[in-house]
């Protein structure tokens, strides 16, 4: 092999090696670029989901009011909110449960004072939506502190309340409903946390079944504010 041929062969091998290195670098860049793109897409998808979830469960629309606790009365009360979220209330609290007929708000407010979350809905709400509300009421939060009933003349199809807080909704599947329950049921503003929402002194009747109890006379006792957790509600 002549000297010229040997030199040409070396140059050819060097060129082949250089081409191979360029191909490897290009493949590596493509691989890292694709990987980076996938990571960017994943971060974007996760970020979009978190932002969407935060927006859907945002409780910015919750309205709040301040009320003194422990204001027990025997008469009917004219409340500012519909349904009420606090203020004067009957000496007897409502048994936390699901009711198919309206209850006296004076009893329900006493339950709110004990930490209950109260789901109310317009009486003409479609049955499928009422069933969805019942599903949420029986699967979210503390069942011993869950109250649900129809309520005439609501400002929205569905309203969920706790002591001092309220949220208006149109869809029973709105994720804001369970978010409200989890935040405000027995929440920081509960005047009597741990007080029972059941027990022998609780009212289990609906408004059409019994009037507000009359003021006791003589030595008749008024209900005791027990701090023992209530039994699981059975009123349907």
Protein backbone atom coordinates (compact mmCIF):
# COMPACT_ATOMS: atom_id res chain seq x y z
CA UNK A 1 0.00 0.00 0.00
CA UNK A 2 1.40 3.30 -1.05
CA UNK A 3 1.84 6.16 1.34
CA UNK A 4 -0.92 8.13 -0.42
CA UNK A 5 -3.43 5.29 -0.09
CA UNK A 6 -2.64 4.80 3.60
CA UNK A 7 -3.16 8.52 4.23
CA UNK A 8 -6.45 8.46 2.34
CA UNK A 9 -7.62 5.49 4.37
CA UNK A 10 -6.78 7.22 7.66
CA UNK A 11 -8.65 10.32 6.55
CA UNK A 12 -11.64 8.21 5.54
CA UNK A 13 -11.70 6.43 8.93
CA UNK A 14 -11.44 9.75 10.74
CA UNK A 15 -14.35 11.11 8.70
CA UNK A 16 -16.43 8.01 9.49
CA UNK A 17 -15.68 8.37 13.21
CA UNK A 18 -16.58 12.07 13.10
CA UNK A 19 -19.83 11.28 11.30
CA UNK A 20 -20.63 8.58 13.87
CA UNK A 21 -20.01 10.99 16.76
CA UNK A 22 -22.25 13.60 15.14
CA UNK A 23 -25.01 11.03 14.77
CA UNK A 24 -24.64 9.98 18.41
CA UNK A 25 -24.72 13.59 19.58
CA UNK A 26 -27.78 14.24 17.41
CA UNK A 27 -29.52 11.13 18.78
CA UNK A 28 -28.68 12.15 22.35
CA UNK A 29 -30.01 15.66 21.76
CA UNK A 30 -33.19 14.27 20.25
CA UNK A 31 -33.62 11.86 23.17
CA UNK A 32 -33.05 14.56 25.80
CA UNK A 33 -35.21 16.97 23.86
CA UNK A 34 -38.08 14.46 23.68
CA UNK A 35 -37.64 13.62 27.36
CA UNK A 36 -37.64 17.29 28.26
CA UNK A 37 -40.75 17.85 26.18
CA UNK A 38 -42.52 14.98 27.93
CA UNK A 39 -41.55 16.42 31.32
CA UNK A 40 -42.79 19.86 30.29
CA UNK A 41 -46.08 18.35 29.09
CA UNK A 42 -46.49 16.33 32.29
CA UNK A 43 -45.76 19.36 34.46
CA UNK A 44 -48.24 21.35 32.41
CA UNK A 45 -50.94 18.67 32.71
CA UNK A 46 -50.41 18.29 36.46
CA UNK A 47 -50.35 22.07 36.90
CA UNK A 48 -53.54 22.44 34.86
CA UNK A 49 -55.25 19.72 36.90
CA UNK A 50 -54.22 21.29 40.22
CA UNK A 51 -55.36 24.74 39.11
CA UNK A 52 -58.64 23.29 37.78
CA UNK A 53 -59.21 21.35 41.02
CA UNK A 54 -58.43 24.40 43.14
CA UNK A 55 -60.86 26.49 41.09
CA UNK A 56 -63.60 23.87 41.27
CA UNK A 57 -63.28 23.44 45.04
CA UNK A 58 -62.70 27.11 45.82
CA UNK A 59 -64.82 28.38 48.70
CA UNK A 60 -64.43 32.05 47.79
CA UNK A 61 -68.21 32.26 47.30
CA UNK A 62 -68.91 31.33 50.93
CA UNK A 63 -70.68 34.12 52.82
CA UNK A 64 -70.04 34.57 56.53
CA UNK A 65 -71.82 36.21 59.45
CA UNK A 66 -71.07 36.64 63.14
CA UNK A 67 -73.57 35.55 65.78
CA UNK A 68 -73.48 35.22 69.54
CA UNK A 69 -73.96 31.67 70.75
CA UNK A 70 -76.17 30.36 73.53
CA UNK A 71 -79.18 32.58 72.81
CA UNK A 72 -81.97 30.11 73.60
CA UNK A 73 -85.59 31.11 73.08
CA UNK A 74 -88.98 29.36 72.92
CA UNK A 75 -90.63 31.49 70.24
CA UNK A 76 -90.32 31.42 66.46
CA UNK A 77 -87.40 33.48 65.17
CA UNK A 78 -87.28 35.79 62.15
CA UNK A 79 -83.87 35.04 60.68
CA UNK A 80 -81.80 37.28 58.44
CA UNK A 81 -80.48 34.50 56.20
CA UNK A 82 -82.46 31.82 54.37
CA UNK A 83 -81.76 29.32 55.76
CA UNK A 84 -80.31 30.77 58.98
CA UNK A 85 -76.67 30.32 59.94
CA UNK A 86 -76.82 31.45 63.56
CA UNK A 87 -78.52 33.61 66.15
CA UNK A 88 -81.34 32.83 68.52
CA UNK A 89 -82.57 29.26 68.49
CA UNK A 90 -84.78 26.83 70.34
CA UNK A 91 -83.60 25.11 73.51
CA UNK A 92 -83.91 21.76 71.73
CA UNK A 93 -81.61 20.86 68.85
CA UNK A 94 -82.55 18.82 65.78
CA UNK A 95 -81.36 15.23 65.58
CA UNK A 96 -78.72 15.20 62.85
CA UNK A 97 -80.16 13.06 60.08
CA UNK A 98 -81.71 13.22 56.62
CA UNK A 99 -85.29 14.50 56.53
CA UNK A 100 -87.67 14.45 53.56
CA UNK A 101 -89.80 17.29 54.95
CA UNK A 102 -88.91 20.76 56.28
CA UNK A 103 -87.79 21.06 59.90
CA UNK A 104 -88.06 24.00 62.27
CA UNK A 105 -85.05 26.27 61.62
CA UNK A 106 -84.96 27.12 65.33
CA UNK A 107 -84.00 23.49 66.05
CA UNK A 108 -81.60 23.32 63.10
CA UNK A 109 -79.69 26.42 64.20
CA UNK A 110 -79.12 24.79 67.58
CA UNK A 111 -77.61 21.82 65.71
CA UNK A 112 -75.36 24.23 63.80
CA UNK A 113 -74.21 25.58 67.16
CA UNK A 114 -73.12 22.04 68.00
CA UNK A 115 -71.08 21.74 64.78
CA UNK A 116 -73.54 20.37 62.22
CA UNK A 117 -73.41 21.01 58.49
CA UNK A 118 -76.90 21.55 57.10
CA UNK A 119 -77.72 20.78 53.47
CA UNK A 120 -80.99 22.39 52.37
CA UNK A 121 -82.69 22.21 48.99
CA UNK A 122 -85.79 23.51 47.28
CA UNK A 123 -88.72 21.13 47.72
CA UNK A 124 -89.24 20.95 43.94
CA UNK A 125 -85.67 19.83 43.25
CA UNK A 126 -85.71 16.80 40.90
CA UNK A 127 -85.56 13.44 42.68
CA UNK A 128 -82.30 12.47 40.95
CA UNK A 129 -80.63 15.58 42.39
CA UNK A 130 -82.08 14.93 45.85
CA UNK A 131 -80.73 11.38 45.68
CA UNK A 132 -77.31 12.78 44.76
CA UNK A 133 -77.45 15.11 47.78
CA UNK A 134 -78.33 12.16 50.02
CA UNK A 135 -75.39 10.23 48.59
CA UNK A 136 -73.04 13.08 49.46
CA UNK A 137 -74.63 13.61 52.88
CA UNK A 138 -74.14 9.95 53.80
CA UNK A 139 -70.57 9.69 52.55
CA UNK A 140 -68.92 13.01 53.42
CA UNK A 141 -67.65 14.29 56.74
CA UNK A 142 -68.97 13.18 60.14
CA UNK A 143 -72.36 11.51 59.87
CA UNK A 144 -73.19 12.36 63.49
CA UNK A 145 -73.08 16.03 62.49
CA UNK A 146 -74.86 15.95 59.14
CA UNK A 147 -78.29 17.51 58.70
CA UNK A 148 -80.29 17.58 55.47
CA UNK A 149 -83.82 18.75 54.71
CA UNK A 150 -85.93 20.59 52.12
CA UNK A 151 -86.40 24.31 52.76
CA UNK A 152 -89.04 26.48 51.03
CA UNK A 153 -88.10 29.72 49.24
CA UNK A 154 -84.37 29.12 49.12
CA UNK A 155 -82.31 31.76 47.23
CA UNK A 156 -80.65 28.92 45.26
CA UNK A 157 -81.59 25.33 44.43
CA UNK A 158 -79.17 24.07 47.09
CA UNK A 159 -77.73 25.86 50.11
CA UNK A 160 -75.27 24.34 52.57
CA UNK A 161 -74.75 26.03 55.93
CA UNK A 162 -72.75 25.81 59.12
CA UNK A 163 -72.63 28.18 62.10
CA UNK A 164 -71.75 31.54 60.54
CA UNK A 165 -71.07 30.26 57.02
CA UNK A 166 -73.16 29.52 53.93
CA UNK A 167 -72.69 28.52 50.29
CA UNK A 168 -75.29 28.64 47.50
CA UNK A 169 -75.12 25.97 44.77
CA UNK A 170 -77.04 24.91 41.68
CA UNK A 171 -75.62 21.43 41.09
CA UNK A 172 -75.56 18.66 43.74
CA UNK A 173 -72.44 17.24 42.07
CA UNK A 174 -70.54 20.50 42.56
CA UNK A 175 -67.23 19.60 44.30
CA UNK A 176 -67.61 22.74 46.41
CA UNK A 177 -70.32 20.96 48.44
CA UNK A 178 -68.07 18.28 49.99
CA UNK A 179 -65.28 20.87 50.27
CA UNK A 180 -67.59 23.09 52.36
CA UNK A 181 -68.61 20.19 54.59
CA UNK A 182 -65.02 19.14 55.21
CA UNK A 183 -63.95 22.67 56.11
CA UNK A 184 -66.87 23.95 58.18
CA UNK A 185 -68.49 20.91 59.79
CA UNK A 186 -67.32 21.11 63.42
CA UNK A 187 -65.02 23.85 62.16
CA UNK A 188 -63.08 26.53 63.96
CA UNK A 189 -66.15 28.76 64.38
CA UNK A 190 -68.31 26.08 66.00
CA UNK A 191 -69.49 27.61 69.32
CA UNK A 192 -69.89 24.26 71.09
CA UNK A 193 -67.51 21.77 69.44
CA UNK A 194 -68.13 18.21 70.57
CA UNK A 195 -71.67 18.88 71.79
CA UNK A 196 -74.07 16.15 70.75
CA UNK A 197 -76.24 16.42 67.66
CA UNK A 198 -78.46 13.62 68.90
CA UNK A 199 -79.32 12.03 72.21
CA UNK A 200 -82.62 11.82 74.14
CA UNK A 201 -83.20 15.60 74.07
CA UNK A 202 -82.89 15.90 70.28
CA UNK A 203 -85.93 16.68 68.15
CA UNK A 204 -86.62 13.93 65.61
CA UNK A 205 -89.89 15.27 64.16
CA UNK A 206 -90.37 17.49 61.12
CA UNK A 207 -92.16 20.85 61.21
CA UNK A 208 -95.47 19.38 60.04
CA UNK A 209 -95.38 16.67 62.70
CA UNK A 210 -94.92 18.86 65.76
CA UNK A 211 -94.91 22.58 66.58
CA UNK A 212 -92.09 24.28 68.44
CA UNK A 213 -92.14 23.07 72.05
CA UNK A 214 -93.78 25.44 74.53
CA UNK A 215 -91.83 27.17 77.24
CA UNK A 216 -91.72 24.88 80.28
CA UNK A 217 -93.49 25.85 83.46
CA UNK A 218 -92.85 24.97 87.07
CA UNK A 219 -90.14 22.38 87.65
CA UNK A 220 -90.07 21.07 84.09
CA UNK A 221 -86.48 20.60 82.96
CA UNK A 222 -84.88 22.02 79.86
CA UNK A 223 -82.46 19.94 77.75
CA UNK A 224 -78.88 19.52 78.95
CA UNK A 225 -76.05 20.55 76.63
CA UNK A 226 -74.17 17.26 76.47
CA UNK A 227 -70.62 17.15 75.14
CA UNK A 228 -70.87 13.45 74.30
CA UNK A 229 -70.86 12.58 70.57
CA UNK A 230 -74.28 11.75 69.23
CA UNK A 231 -75.34 8.33 68.07
CA UNK A 232 -75.41 7.66 64.35
CA UNK A 233 -78.57 9.20 62.93
CA UNK A 234 -81.28 6.83 61.83
CA UNK A 235 -84.06 9.29 60.97
CA UNK A 236 -84.72 9.11 57.24
